[in-house]
PDB file of all heavy atoms in Angstrom:
ATOM      1  N   LEU A   1     -17.251  -3.406  -8.121  1.00  0.00           N
ATOM      2  CA  LEU A   1     -15.805  -3.555  -8.301  1.00  0.00           C
ATOM      3  C   LEU A   1     -14.996  -3.316  -7.024  1.00  0.00           C
ATOM      4  O   LEU A   1     -14.040  -4.052  -6.744  1.00  0.00           O
ATOM      5  CB  LEU A   1     -15.350  -2.589  -9.399  1.00  0.00           C
ATOM      6  CG  LEU A   1     -13.950  -2.724  -9.944  1.00  0.00           C
ATOM      7  CD1 LEU A   1     -13.741  -4.104 -10.557  1.00  0.00           C
ATOM      8  CD2 LEU A   1     -13.695  -1.651 -10.994  1.00  0.00           C
ATOM      9  N   LEU A   2     -15.356  -2.320  -6.239  1.00  0.00           N
ATOM     10  CA  LEU A   2     -14.529  -1.958  -5.081  1.00  0.00           C
ATOM     11  C   LEU A   2     -14.407  -3.061  -4.026  1.00  0.00           C
ATOM     12  O   LEU A   2     -13.298  -3.276  -3.511  1.00  0.00           O
ATOM     13  CB  LEU A   2     -15.022  -0.653  -4.460  1.00  0.00           C
ATOM     14  CG  LEU A   2     -14.553   0.590  -5.212  1.00  0.00           C
ATOM     15  CD1 LEU A   2     -15.245   1.841  -4.694  1.00  0.00           C
ATOM     16  CD2 LEU A   2     -13.053   0.749  -5.132  1.00  0.00           C
ATOM     17  N   PRO A   3     -15.442  -3.802  -3.685  1.00  0.00           N
ATOM     18  CA  PRO A   3     -15.238  -4.898  -2.734  1.00  0.00           C
ATOM     19  C   PRO A   3     -14.265  -5.966  -3.260  1.00  0.00           C
ATOM     20  O   PRO A   3     -13.523  -6.569  -2.479  1.00  0.00           O
ATOM     21  CB  PRO A   3     -16.640  -5.489  -2.542  1.00  0.00           C
ATOM     22  CG  PRO A   3     -17.553  -4.343  -2.821  1.00  0.00           C
ATOM     23  CD  PRO A   3     -16.877  -3.577  -3.934  1.00  0.00           C
ATOM     24  N   LEU A   4     -14.247  -6.174  -4.565  1.00  0.00           N
ATOM     25  CA  LEU A   4     -13.299  -7.124  -5.150  1.00  0.00           C
ATOM     26  C   LEU A   4     -11.874  -6.613  -4.988  1.00  0.00           C
ATOM     27  O   LEU A   4     -10.948  -7.385  -4.703  1.00  0.00           O
ATOM     28  CB  LEU A   4     -13.617  -7.352  -6.625  1.00  0.00           C
ATOM     29  CG  LEU A   4     -15.008  -7.922  -6.931  1.00  0.00           C
ATOM     30  CD1 LEU A   4     -15.257  -7.946  -8.434  1.00  0.00           C
ATOM     31  CD2 LEU A   4     -15.181  -9.292  -6.322  1.00  0.00           C
ATOM     32  N   ILE A   5     -11.696  -5.318  -5.156  1.00  0.00           N
ATOM     33  CA  ILE A   5     -10.382  -4.696  -4.979  1.00  0.00           C
ATOM     34  C   ILE A   5      -9.941  -4.795  -3.520  1.00  0.00           C
ATOM     35  O   ILE A   5      -8.790  -5.125  -3.229  1.00  0.00           O
ATOM     36  CB  ILE A   5     -10.412  -3.231  -5.467  1.00  0.00           C
ATOM     37  CG1 ILE A   5     -10.550  -3.206  -6.980  1.00  0.00           C
ATOM     38  CG2 ILE A   5      -9.192  -2.455  -4.994  1.00  0.00           C
ATOM     39  CD1 ILE A   5     -10.884  -1.858  -7.553  1.00  0.00           C
ATOM     40  N   LEU A   6     -10.860  -4.535  -2.604  1.00  0.00           N
ATOM     41  CA  LEU A   6     -10.531  -4.650  -1.183  1.00  0.00           C
ATOM     42  C   LEU A   6     -10.127  -6.080  -0.826  1.00  0.00           C
ATOM     43  O   LEU A   6      -9.180  -6.293  -0.070  1.00  0.00           O
ATOM     44  CB  LEU A   6     -11.713  -4.185  -0.326  1.00  0.00           C
ATOM     45  CG  LEU A   6     -11.943  -2.675  -0.333  1.00  0.00           C
ATOM     46  CD1 LEU A   6     -13.308  -2.335   0.257  1.00  0.00           C
ATOM     47  CD2 LEU A   6     -10.836  -1.962   0.399  1.00  0.00           C
ATOM     48  N   SER A   7     -10.807  -7.063  -1.400  1.00  0.00           N
ATOM     49  CA  SER A   7     -10.439  -8.464  -1.173  1.00  0.00           C
ATOM     50  C   SER A   7      -9.055  -8.766  -1.727  1.00  0.00           C
ATOM     51  O   SER A   7      -8.274  -9.498  -1.107  1.00  0.00           O
ATOM     52  CB  SER A   7     -11.459  -9.394  -1.830  1.00  0.00           C
ATOM     53  OG  SER A   7     -12.703  -9.291  -1.183  1.00  0.00           O
ATOM     54  N   ALA A   8      -8.750  -8.205  -2.885  1.00  0.00           N
ATOM     55  CA  ALA A   8      -7.429  -8.420  -3.487  1.00  0.00           C
ATOM     56  C   ALA A   8      -6.333  -7.808  -2.616  1.00  0.00           C
ATOM     57  O   ALA A   8      -5.283  -8.440  -2.403  1.00  0.00           O
ATOM     58  CB  ALA A   8      -7.380  -7.834  -4.895  1.00  0.00           C
ATOM     59  N   PHE A   9      -6.564  -6.605  -2.099  1.00  0.00           N
ATOM     60  CA  PHE A   9      -5.579  -5.984  -1.211  1.00  0.00           C
ATOM     61  C   PHE A   9      -5.373  -6.848   0.041  1.00  0.00           C
ATOM     62  O   PHE A   9      -4.247  -7.043   0.487  1.00  0.00           O
ATOM     63  CB  PHE A   9      -6.005  -4.571  -0.807  1.00  0.00           C
ATOM     64  CG  PHE A   9      -5.769  -3.514  -1.852  1.00  0.00           C
ATOM     65  CD1 PHE A   9      -6.649  -2.447  -1.979  1.00  0.00           C
ATOM     66  CD2 PHE A   9      -4.674  -3.549  -2.699  1.00  0.00           C
ATOM     67  CE1 PHE A   9      -6.434  -1.454  -2.925  1.00  0.00           C
ATOM     68  CE2 PHE A   9      -4.451  -2.564  -3.645  1.00  0.00           C
ATOM     69  CZ  PHE A   9      -5.338  -1.505  -3.759  1.00  0.00           C
ATOM     70  N   GLU A  10      -6.452  -7.369   0.594  1.00  0.00           N
ATOM     71  CA  GLU A  10      -6.369  -8.202   1.788  1.00  0.00           C
ATOM     72  C   GLU A  10      -5.612  -9.502   1.496  1.00  0.00           C
ATOM     73  O   GLU A  10      -4.737  -9.913   2.265  1.00  0.00           O
ATOM     74  CB  GLU A  10      -7.773  -8.517   2.290  1.00  0.00           C
ATOM     75  CG  GLU A  10      -7.815  -9.241   3.607  1.00  0.00           C
ATOM     76  CD  GLU A  10      -9.237  -9.439   4.097  1.00  0.00           C
ATOM     77  OE1 GLU A  10     -10.054  -8.511   3.997  1.00  0.00           O
ATOM     78  OE2 GLU A  10      -9.524 -10.556   4.575  1.00  0.00           O
ATOM     79  N   ARG A  11      -5.930 -10.130   0.368  1.00  0.00           N
ATOM     80  CA  ARG A  11      -5.240 -11.369  -0.025  1.00  0.00           C
ATOM     81  C   ARG A  11      -3.750 -11.101  -0.229  1.00  0.00           C
ATOM     82  O   ARG A  11      -2.899 -11.839   0.261  1.00  0.00           O
ATOM     83  CB  ARG A  11      -5.868 -11.907  -1.315  1.00  0.00           C
ATOM     84  CG  ARG A  11      -5.219 -13.197  -1.825  1.00  0.00           C
ATOM     85  CD  ARG A  11      -5.556 -13.480  -3.270  1.00  0.00           C
ATOM     86  NE  ARG A  11      -5.031 -12.420  -4.118  1.00  0.00           N
ATOM     87  CZ  ARG A  11      -5.747 -11.734  -5.018  1.00  0.00           C
ATOM     88  NH1 ARG A  11      -7.007 -11.998  -5.208  1.00  0.00           N
ATOM     89  NH2 ARG A  11      -5.191 -10.777  -5.733  1.00  0.00           N
ATOM     90  N   ASP A  12      -3.435 -10.010  -0.937  1.00  0.00           N
ATOM     91  CA  ASP A  12      -2.045  -9.673  -1.206  1.00  0.00           C
ATOM     92  C   ASP A  12      -1.288  -9.354   0.082  1.00  0.00           C
ATOM     93  O   ASP A  12      -0.118  -9.715   0.219  1.00  0.00           O
ATOM     94  CB  ASP A  12      -1.958  -8.501  -2.181  1.00  0.00           C
ATOM     95  CG  ASP A  12      -2.473  -8.858  -3.567  1.00  0.00           C
ATOM     96  OD1 ASP A  12      -2.710 -10.061  -3.843  1.00  0.00           O
ATOM     97  OD2 ASP A  12      -2.663  -7.927  -4.381  1.00  0.00           O
ATOM     98  N   ALA A  13      -1.949  -8.700   1.036  1.00  0.00           N
ATOM     99  CA  ALA A  13      -1.308  -8.406   2.320  1.00  0.00           C
ATOM    100  C   ALA A  13      -0.945  -9.698   3.041  1.00  0.00           C
ATOM    101  O   ALA A  13       0.141  -9.802   3.632  1.00  0.00           O
ATOM    102  CB  ALA A  13      -2.227  -7.546   3.187  1.00  0.00           C
ATOM    103  N   GLY A  14      -1.819 -10.682   2.973  1.00  0.00           N
ATOM    104  CA  GLY A  14      -1.512 -11.980   3.592  1.00  0.00           C
ATOM    105  C   GLY A  14      -0.331 -12.654   2.945  1.00  0.00           C
ATOM    106  O   GLY A  14       0.537 -13.216   3.628  1.00  0.00           O
ATOM    107  N   LEU A  15      -0.259 -12.594   1.628  1.00  0.00           N
ATOM    108  CA  LEU A  15       0.862 -13.200   0.901  1.00  0.00           C
ATOM    109  C   LEU A  15       2.170 -12.479   1.213  1.00  0.00           C
ATOM    110  O   LEU A  15       3.217 -13.115   1.408  1.00  0.00           O
ATOM    111  CB  LEU A  15       0.601 -13.180  -0.600  1.00  0.00           C
ATOM    112  CG  LEU A  15      -0.510 -14.107  -1.098  1.00  0.00           C
ATOM    113  CD1 LEU A  15      -0.840 -13.834  -2.551  1.00  0.00           C
ATOM    114  CD2 LEU A  15      -0.101 -15.561  -0.897  1.00  0.00           C
ATOM    115  N   ILE A  16       2.115 -11.167   1.253  1.00  0.00           N
ATOM    116  CA  ILE A  16       3.314 -10.381   1.558  1.00  0.00           C
ATOM    117  C   ILE A  16       3.798 -10.677   2.972  1.00  0.00           C
ATOM    118  O   ILE A  16       4.987 -10.874   3.212  1.00  0.00           O
ATOM    119  CB  ILE A  16       3.040  -8.872   1.350  1.00  0.00           C
ATOM    120  CG1 ILE A  16       2.963  -8.579  -0.150  1.00  0.00           C
ATOM    121  CG2 ILE A  16       4.098  -8.015   2.026  1.00  0.00           C
ATOM    122  CD1 ILE A  16       2.473  -7.187  -0.491  1.00  0.00           C
ATOM    123  N   SER A  17       2.868 -10.746   3.922  1.00  0.00           N
ATOM    124  CA  SER A  17       3.232 -11.046   5.314  1.00  0.00           C
ATOM    125  C   SER A  17       3.913 -12.391   5.432  1.00  0.00           C
ATOM    126  O   SER A  17       4.872 -12.551   6.194  1.00  0.00           O
ATOM    127  CB  SER A  17       1.985 -11.061   6.202  1.00  0.00           C
ATOM    128  OG  SER A  17       1.505  -9.781   6.395  1.00  0.00           O
ATOM    129  N   ALA A  18       3.432 -13.357   4.668  1.00  0.00           N
ATOM    130  CA  ALA A  18       3.943 -14.718   4.779  1.00  0.00           C
ATOM    131  C   ALA A  18       5.272 -14.932   4.061  1.00  0.00           C
ATOM    132  O   ALA A  18       6.037 -15.815   4.442  1.00  0.00           O
ATOM    133  CB  ALA A  18       2.903 -15.698   4.229  1.00  0.00           C
ATOM    134  N   HIS A  19       5.563 -14.114   3.043  1.00  0.00           N
ATOM    135  CA  HIS A  19       6.707 -14.435   2.192  1.00  0.00           C
ATOM    136  C   HIS A  19       7.840 -13.402   2.168  1.00  0.00           C
ATOM    137  O   HIS A  19       8.876 -13.665   1.562  1.00  0.00           O
ATOM    138  CB  HIS A  19       6.230 -14.692   0.757  1.00  0.00           C
ATOM    139  CG  HIS A  19       5.396 -15.936   0.659  1.00  0.00           C
ATOM    140  ND1 HIS A  19       4.032 -15.899   0.698  1.00  0.00           N
ATOM    141  CD2 HIS A  19       5.752 -17.231   0.564  1.00  0.00           C
ATOM    142  CE1 HIS A  19       3.569 -17.126   0.612  1.00  0.00           C
ATOM    143  NE2 HIS A  19       4.587 -17.957   0.527  1.00  0.00           N
ATOM    144  N   LEU A  20       7.659 -12.255   2.778  1.00  0.00           N
ATOM    145  CA  LEU A  20       8.732 -11.259   2.769  1.00  0.00           C
ATOM    146  C   LEU A  20       9.357 -11.137   4.155  1.00  0.00           C
ATOM    147  O   LEU A  20       8.678 -11.281   5.170  1.00  0.00           O
ATOM    148  CB  LEU A  20       8.195  -9.888   2.328  1.00  0.00           C
ATOM    149  CG  LEU A  20       7.690  -9.772   0.892  1.00  0.00           C
ATOM    150  CD1 LEU A  20       7.258  -8.342   0.614  1.00  0.00           C
ATOM    151  CD2 LEU A  20       8.723 -10.212  -0.116  1.00  0.00           C
ATOM    152  N   ARG A  21      10.626 -10.836   4.161  1.00  0.00           N
ATOM    153  CA  ARG A  21      11.320 -10.658   5.437  1.00  0.00           C
ATOM    154  C   ARG A  21      10.955  -9.345   6.111  1.00  0.00           C
ATOM    155  O   ARG A  21      10.939  -9.257   7.338  1.00  0.00           O
ATOM    156  CB  ARG A  21      12.828 -10.692   5.214  1.00  0.00           C
ATOM    157  CG  ARG A  21      13.345 -12.071   5.029  1.00  0.00           C
ATOM    158  CD  ARG A  21      14.832 -12.015   4.988  1.00  0.00           C
ATOM    159  NE  ARG A  21      15.362 -13.260   5.530  1.00  0.00           N
ATOM    160  CZ  ARG A  21      16.618 -13.556   5.528  1.00  0.00           C
ATOM    161  NH1 ARG A  21      17.497 -12.690   5.080  1.00  0.00           N
ATOM    162  NH2 ARG A  21      17.019 -14.708   6.011  1.00  0.00           N
ATOM    163  N   THR A  22      10.737  -8.314   5.317  1.00  0.00           N
ATOM    164  CA  THR A  22      10.368  -7.007   5.877  1.00  0.00           C
ATOM    165  C   THR A  22       9.070  -6.537   5.220  1.00  0.00           C
ATOM    166  O   THR A  22       9.072  -5.647   4.362  1.00  0.00           O
ATOM    167  CB  THR A  22      11.482  -5.971   5.639  1.00  0.00           C
ATOM    168  OG1 THR A  22      11.788  -5.955   4.244  1.00  0.00           O
ATOM    169  CG2 THR A  22      12.722  -6.284   6.443  1.00  0.00           C
ATOM    170  N   PRO A  23       7.963  -7.102   5.647  1.00  0.00           N
ATOM    171  CA  PRO A  23       6.694  -6.782   4.996  1.00  0.00           C
ATOM    172  C   PRO A  23       6.092  -5.435   5.399  1.00  0.00           C
ATOM    173  O   PRO A  23       5.225  -4.915   4.684  1.00  0.00           O
ATOM    174  CB  PRO A  23       5.775  -7.925   5.445  1.00  0.00           C
ATOM    175  CG  PRO A  23       6.322  -8.328   6.777  1.00  0.00           C
ATOM    176  CD  PRO A  23       7.811  -8.138   6.658  1.00  0.00           C
ATOM    177  N   ALA A  24       6.536  -4.843   6.500  1.00  0.00           N
ATOM    178  CA  ALA A  24       5.878  -3.657   7.056  1.00  0.00           C
ATOM    179  C   ALA A  24       5.680  -2.512   6.054  1.00  0.00           C
ATOM    180  O   ALA A  24       4.572  -1.979   5.954  1.00  0.00           O
ATOM    181  CB  ALA A  24       6.619  -3.171   8.295  1.00  0.00           C
ATOM    182  N   PRO A  25       6.698  -2.092   5.288  1.00  0.00           N
ATOM    183  CA  PRO A  25       6.475  -0.973   4.367  1.00  0.00           C
ATOM    184  C   PRO A  25       5.418  -1.298   3.292  1.00  0.00           C
ATOM    185  O   PRO A  25       4.621  -0.438   2.923  1.00  0.00           O
ATOM    186  CB  PRO A  25       7.839  -0.733   3.719  1.00  0.00           C
ATOM    187  CG  PRO A  25       8.827  -1.482   4.520  1.00  0.00           C
ATOM    188  CD  PRO A  25       8.092  -2.526   5.275  1.00  0.00           C
ATOM    189  N   TYR A  26       5.440  -2.534   2.830  1.00  0.00           N
ATOM    190  CA  TYR A  26       4.483  -2.938   1.799  1.00  0.00           C
ATOM    191  C   TYR A  26       3.072  -3.012   2.373  1.00  0.00           C
ATOM    192  O   TYR A  26       2.101  -2.611   1.737  1.00  0.00           O
ATOM    193  CB  TYR A  26       4.895  -4.284   1.197  1.00  0.00           C
ATOM    194  CG  TYR A  26       6.287  -4.256   0.624  1.00  0.00           C
ATOM    195  CD1 TYR A  26       7.361  -4.775   1.328  1.00  0.00           C
ATOM    196  CD2 TYR A  26       6.525  -3.675  -0.623  1.00  0.00           C
ATOM    197  CE1 TYR A  26       8.643  -4.738   0.812  1.00  0.00           C
ATOM    198  CE2 TYR A  26       7.808  -3.633  -1.145  1.00  0.00           C
ATOM    199  CZ  TYR A  26       8.863  -4.163  -0.425  1.00  0.00           C
ATOM    200  OH  TYR A  26      10.132  -4.111  -0.943  1.00  0.00           O
ATOM    201  N   LEU A  27       2.995  -3.524   3.598  1.00  0.00           N
ATOM    202  CA  LEU A  27       1.690  -3.616   4.251  1.00  0.00           C
ATOM    203  C   LEU A  27       1.123  -2.231   4.548  1.00  0.00           C
ATOM    204  O   LEU A  27      -0.082  -2.008   4.420  1.00  0.00           O
ATOM    205  CB  LEU A  27       1.789  -4.448   5.531  1.00  0.00           C
ATOM    206  CG  LEU A  27       2.106  -5.926   5.326  1.00  0.00           C
ATOM    207  CD1 LEU A  27       2.292  -6.621   6.669  1.00  0.00           C
ATOM    208  CD2 LEU A  27       1.035  -6.607   4.496  1.00  0.00           C
ATOM    209  N   ASP A  28       2.002  -1.297   4.929  1.00  0.00           N
ATOM    210  CA  ASP A  28       1.549   0.080   5.154  1.00  0.00           C
ATOM    211  C   ASP A  28       0.946   0.657   3.879  1.00  0.00           C
ATOM    212  O   ASP A  28      -0.100   1.321   3.914  1.00  0.00           O
ATOM    213  CB  ASP A  28       2.704   0.965   5.621  1.00  0.00           C
ATOM    214  CG  ASP A  28       3.146   0.667   7.050  1.00  0.00           C
ATOM    215  OD1 ASP A  28       2.421  -0.056   7.770  1.00  0.00           O
ATOM    216  OD2 ASP A  28       4.233   1.160   7.432  1.00  0.00           O
ATOM    217  N   MET A  29       1.599   0.412   2.765  1.00  0.00           N
ATOM    218  CA  MET A  29       1.110   0.916   1.483  1.00  0.00           C
ATOM    219  C   MET A  29      -0.233   0.272   1.115  1.00  0.00           C
ATOM    220  O   MET A  29      -1.161   0.955   0.681  1.00  0.00           O
ATOM    221  CB  MET A  29       2.149   0.669   0.400  1.00  0.00           C
ATOM    222  CG  MET A  29       1.870   1.362  -0.885  1.00  0.00           C
ATOM    223  SD  MET A  29       3.351   1.295  -1.890  1.00  0.00           S
ATOM    224  CE  MET A  29       3.066   2.708  -2.906  1.00  0.00           C
TER     225      MET A  29
END
């Protein structure tokens, strides 16, 4: 399960970076 979760966090970080104006706080989390 954990590698799947890590992949989801990585995918979500990419989406947040691409679509938010201020992604830094979310990416830090």
